[in-house]
C-alpha atoms as a PDB file:
ATOM      1  CA  MET A   1     121.724-148.981  28.197  1.00  0.00           C
ATOM      2  CA  ARG A   2     125.180-150.142  29.155  1.00  0.00           C
ATOM      3  CA  LEU A   3     128.062-150.014  26.680  1.00  0.00           C
ATOM      4  CA  ASN A   4     130.840-152.568  26.728  1.00  0.00           C
ATOM      5  CA  LEU A   5     134.043-150.779  25.651  1.00  0.00           C
ATOM      6  CA  ARG A   6     136.458-153.640  26.323  1.00  0.00           C
ATOM      7  CA  PRO A   7     136.548-154.913  22.712  1.00  0.00           C
ATOM      8  CA  VAL A   8     137.047-151.354  21.443  1.00  0.00           C
ATOM      9  CA  THR A   9     139.854-150.687  23.942  1.00  0.00           C
ATOM     10  CA  ALA A  10     141.585-153.940  23.040  1.00  0.00           C
ATOM     11  CA  ALA A  11     141.242-153.173  19.331  1.00  0.00           C
ATOM     12  CA  VAL A  12     142.767-149.717  19.793  1.00  0.00           C
ATOM     13  CA  LEU A  13     145.699-151.082  21.802  1.00  0.00           C
ATOM     14  CA  CYS A  14     146.343-153.784  19.215  1.00  0.00           C
ATOM     15  CA  ALA A  15     146.266-151.240  16.396  1.00  0.00           C
ATOM     16  CA  LEU A  16     149.197-149.268  17.817  1.00  0.00           C
ATOM     17  CA  PRO A  17     152.237-149.844  15.590  1.00  0.00           C
ATOM     18  CA  ALA A  18     154.746-149.865  18.460  1.00  0.00           C
ATOM     19  CA  CYS A  19     152.986-152.697  20.268  1.00  0.00           C
ATOM     20  CA  SER A  20     153.185-156.434  19.861  1.00  0.00           C
ATOM     21  CA  SER A  21     151.942-159.473  21.685  1.00  0.00           C
ATOM     22  CA  GLY A  22     155.516-160.750  21.877  1.00  0.00           C
ATOM     23  CA  ALA A  23     154.385-164.111  20.550  1.00  0.00           C
ATOM     24  CA  GLU A  24     156.491-164.751  17.485  1.00  0.00           C
ATOM     25  CA  ARG A  25     155.800-168.087  15.865  1.00  0.00           C
ATOM     26  CA  THR A  26     158.874-170.188  15.429  1.00  0.00           C
ATOM     27  CA  SER A  27     159.732-173.794  14.768  1.00  0.00           C
ATOM     28  CA  GLU A  28     162.545-173.568  17.345  1.00  0.00           C
ATOM     29  CA  PRO A  29     161.243-175.729  20.222  1.00  0.00           C
ATOM     30  CA  VAL A  30     164.239-175.426  22.540  1.00  0.00           C
ATOM     31  CA  ALA A  31     165.408-172.221  24.218  1.00  0.00           C
ATOM     32  CA  VAL A  32     169.061-171.395  23.664  1.00  0.00           C
ATOM     33  CA  VAL A  33     169.449-168.249  25.756  1.00  0.00           C
ATOM     34  CA  GLU A  34     168.021-166.863  29.000  1.00  0.00           C
ATOM     35  CA  ILE A  35     167.838-163.127  29.580  1.00  0.00           C
ATOM     36  CA  ALA A  36     166.829-161.927  33.031  1.00  0.00           C
ATOM     37  CA  ALA A  37     167.168-158.724  35.025  1.00  0.00           C
ATOM     38  CA  ALA A  38     169.582-158.944  37.937  1.00  0.00           C
ATOM     39  CA  ARG A  39     166.855-157.434  40.147  1.00  0.00           C
ATOM     40  CA  ALA A  40     163.071-157.698  40.005  1.00  0.00           C
ATOM     41  CA  ARG A  41     162.582-153.935  40.527  1.00  0.00           C
ATOM     42  CA  TYR A  42     164.275-150.757  39.309  1.00  0.00           C
ATOM     43  CA  ALA A  43     163.510-147.044  39.624  1.00  0.00           C
ATOM     44  CA  PRO A  44     163.224-144.751  36.602  1.00  0.00           C
ATOM     45  CA  GLY A  45     166.721-143.532  35.692  1.00  0.00           C
ATOM     46  CA  ASP A  46     168.465-146.570  37.216  1.00  0.00           C
ATOM     47  CA  THR A  47     170.935-148.593  35.221  1.00  0.00           C
ATOM     48  CA  GLY A  48     169.458-152.048  35.002  1.00  0.00           C
ATOM     49  CA  ALA A  49     171.625-155.126  34.707  1.00  0.00           C
ATOM     50  CA  LEU A  50     170.535-157.912  32.380  1.00  0.00           C
ATOM     51  CA  VAL A  51     172.207-161.296  32.538  1.00  0.00           C
ATOM     52  CA  VAL A  52     172.388-163.013  29.140  1.00  0.00           C
ATOM     53  CA  ARG A  53     173.119-166.728  29.622  1.00  0.00           C
ATOM     54  CA  ASN A  54     173.790-169.277  26.893  1.00  0.00           C
ATOM     55  CA  ILE A  55     171.865-172.474  27.675  1.00  0.00           C
ATOM     56  CA  ALA A  56     172.583-174.072  24.288  1.00  0.00           C
ATOM     57  CA  ARG A  57     175.198-176.667  23.444  1.00  0.00           C
ATOM     58  CA  GLU A  58     176.877-174.351  20.957  1.00  0.00           C
ATOM     59  CA  ASP A  59     178.507-170.932  21.004  1.00  0.00           C
ATOM     60  CA  LEU A  60     176.265-167.926  20.437  1.00  0.00           C
ATOM     61  CA  GLN A  61     177.152-164.575  18.920  1.00  0.00           C
ATOM     62  CA  TYR A  62     175.751-161.428  20.437  1.00  0.00           C
ATOM     63  CA  ASN A  63     175.745-157.696  20.003  1.00  0.00           C
ATOM     64  CA  VAL A  64     173.645-156.010  22.642  1.00  0.00           C
ATOM     65  CA  CYS A  65     174.544-152.420  21.770  1.00  0.00           C
ATOM     66  CA  ALA A  66     171.114-151.866  20.222  1.00  0.00           C
ATOM     67  CA  TYR A  67     167.957-152.692  22.147  1.00  0.00           C
ATOM     68  CA  ARG A  68     164.525-151.432  22.999  1.00  0.00           C
ATOM     69  CA  VAL A  69     162.803-151.132  26.353  1.00  0.00           C
ATOM     70  CA  GLU A  70     159.195-152.295  26.141  1.00  0.00           C
ATOM     71  CA  ARG A  71     156.314-151.593  28.549  1.00  0.00           C
ATOM     72  CA  ARG A  72     153.317-153.856  29.065  1.00  0.00           C
ATOM     73  CA  ALA A  73     150.044-152.186  28.097  1.00  0.00           C
ATOM     74  CA  ALA A  74     147.185-154.600  28.773  1.00  0.00           C
ATOM     75  CA  ALA A  75     148.175-157.811  26.938  1.00  0.00           C
ATOM     76  CA  GLU A  76     150.535-156.032  24.514  1.00  0.00           C
ATOM     77  CA  TRP A  77     154.155-154.857  24.724  1.00  0.00           C
ATOM     78  CA  CYS A  78     154.807-151.305  23.486  1.00  0.00           C
ATOM     79  CA  THR A  79     158.171-149.696  22.807  1.00  0.00           C
ATOM     80  CA  ALA A  80     159.001-147.221  25.587  1.00  0.00           C
ATOM     81  CA  SER A  81     162.498-146.323  24.322  1.00  0.00           C
ATOM     82  CA  THR A  82     164.971-147.464  21.701  1.00  0.00           C
ATOM     83  CA  VAL A  83     168.734-147.408  22.029  1.00  0.00           C
ATOM     84  CA  PRO A  84     170.509-147.488  18.643  1.00  0.00           C
ATOM     85  CA  PRO A  85     174.258-147.994  18.416  1.00  0.00           C
ATOM     86  CA  GLU A  86     176.058-144.680  18.838  1.00  0.00           C
ATOM     87  CA  ARG A  87     179.283-145.804  17.171  1.00  0.00           C
ATOM     88  CA  SER A  88     179.700-147.872  14.045  1.00  0.00           C
ATOM     89  CA  ALA A  89     182.240-150.084  15.851  1.00  0.00           C
ATOM     90  CA  CYS A  90     179.498-151.072  18.271  1.00  0.00           C
ATOM     91  CA  ALA A  91     177.239-152.042  15.394  1.00  0.00           C
ATOM     92  CA  VAL A  92     179.748-154.481  13.889  1.00  0.00           C
ATOM     93  CA  ALA A  93     181.398-155.885  17.018  1.00  0.00           C
ATOM     94  CA  ALA A  94     180.040-159.288  18.010  1.00  0.00           C
ATOM     95  CA  GLY A  95     180.926-161.185  21.147  1.00  0.00           C
ATOM     96  CA  GLN A  96     181.025-164.943  21.541  1.00  0.00           C
ATOM     97  CA  LEU A  97     179.138-166.637  24.359  1.00  0.00           C
ATOM     98  CA  ALA A  98     180.185-170.222  25.100  1.00  0.00           C
ATOM     99  CA  PRO A  99     177.715-172.832  26.386  1.00  0.00           C
ATOM    100  CA  ASP A 100     176.790-172.212  30.054  1.00  0.00           C
ATOM    101  CA  ALA A 101     178.569-168.836  29.962  1.00  0.00           C
ATOM    102  CA  SER A 102     176.862-165.556  30.758  1.00  0.00           C
ATOM    103  CA  VAL A 103     177.491-161.865  30.315  1.00  0.00           C
ATOM    104  CA  THR A 104     175.941-159.024  32.320  1.00  0.00           C
ATOM    105  CA  MET A 105     174.879-156.034  30.262  1.00  0.00           C
ATOM    106  CA  PRO A 106     174.174-152.609  31.767  1.00  0.00           C
ATOM    107  CA  VAL A 107     170.927-151.131  30.476  1.00  0.00           C
ATOM    108  CA  PRO A 108     170.328-147.477  31.398  1.00  0.00           C
ATOM    109  CA  LEU A 109     166.605-146.933  31.955  1.00  0.00           C
ATOM    110  CA  PRO A 110     165.171-143.538  30.959  1.00  0.00           C
ATOM    111  CA  ALA A 111     164.380-141.246  33.897  1.00  0.00           C
ATOM    112  CA  ASP A 112     160.892-140.523  32.549  1.00  0.00           C
ATOM    113  CA  LEU A 113     159.645-144.137  32.469  1.00  0.00           C
ATOM    114  CA  PRO A 114     156.219-144.375  34.078  1.00  0.00           C
ATOM    115  CA  PRO A 115     155.700-147.130  36.664  1.00  0.00           C
ATOM    116  CA  GLY A 116     154.903-150.493  35.130  1.00  0.00           C
ATOM    117  CA  GLU A 117     156.134-153.839  33.914  1.00  0.00           C
ATOM    118  CA  TYR A 118     158.991-153.741  31.407  1.00  0.00           C
ATOM    119  CA  ARG A 119     161.259-155.980  29.397  1.00  0.00           C
ATOM    120  CA  VAL A 120     164.234-155.456  27.079  1.00  0.00           C
ATOM    121  CA  GLN A 121     164.548-156.842  23.575  1.00  0.00           C
ATOM    122  CA  PHE A 122     168.020-156.949  22.039  1.00  0.00           C
ATOM    123  CA  ASP A 123     168.355-156.422  18.296  1.00  0.00           C
ATOM    124  CA  TRP A 124     170.876-159.174  17.597  1.00  0.00           C
ATOM    125  CA  ILE A 125     171.753-162.469  19.238  1.00  0.00           C
ATOM    126  CA  ALA A 126     172.572-165.326  16.854  1.00  0.00           C
ATOM    127  CA  ARG A 127     173.728-168.903  16.608  1.00  0.00           C
ATOM    128  CA  ALA A 128     177.386-169.602  15.853  1.00  0.00           C
ATOM    129  CA  ASP A 129     176.546-169.800  12.126  1.00  0.00           C
ATOM    130  CA  GLY A 130     175.142-166.247  12.202  1.00  0.00           C
ATOM    131  CA  VAL A 131     171.465-167.203  12.011  1.00  0.00           C
ATOM    132  CA  PRO A 132     169.640-164.693  14.237  1.00  0.00           C
ATOM    133  CA  LEU A 133     167.516-165.984  17.089  1.00  0.00           C
ATOM    134  CA  PRO A 134     163.798-165.163  16.956  1.00  0.00           C
ATOM    135  CA  SER A 135     162.732-162.053  18.872  1.00  0.00           C
ATOM    136  CA  SER A 136     161.206-164.181  21.634  1.00  0.00           C
ATOM    137  CA  GLU A 137     164.717-165.545  22.375  1.00  0.00           C
ATOM    138  CA  ARG A 138     166.250-162.045  22.413  1.00  0.00           C
ATOM    139  CA  THR A 139     163.801-160.697  24.986  1.00  0.00           C
ATOM    140  CA  SER A 140     164.319-160.516  28.750  1.00  0.00           C
ATOM    141  CA  ARG A 141     161.933-161.713  31.375  1.00  0.00           C
ATOM    142  CA  PRO A 142     159.734-158.882  32.673  1.00  0.00           C
ATOM    143  CA  PHE A 143     160.817-156.628  35.535  1.00  0.00           C
ATOM    144  CA  VAL A 144     159.116-153.753  37.389  1.00  0.00           C
ATOM    145  CA  VAL A 145     159.948-150.061  37.207  1.00  0.00           C
ATOM    146  CA  ALA A 146     158.561-148.033  40.107  1.00  0.00           C
ATOM    147  CA  PRO A 147     159.757-145.020  42.113  1.00  0.00           C
END
């Protein structure tokens, strides 16, 4: 008799609290920001560079002091590390990003990251009126971490 463990494995992965499919439902049909790694591949312990570019027709506010590095596990994204603000000034300081402008943010990657596909999700990027963007808009495109 042959057992099929795929549904069980998928159910276990989906039950992990630190994982998500990354598919947040939103009524926002048009992207307003692009976030991409400056390189497609980094080594554990490298400082990654993420380019945050405003593709909207309005200014955006951003504070990228707090973020989490997520690793793909099957079809889910799981938190690999979280970087909270270390200083209260970082937590309250917001930058302005004009239309078509970009900012490059250094993102130190932990030295103990296992090889895999990763992305970074920033805690706060918002429209000019302060309305936060959905998590899908605050998340970088995937990149690879390998020795």
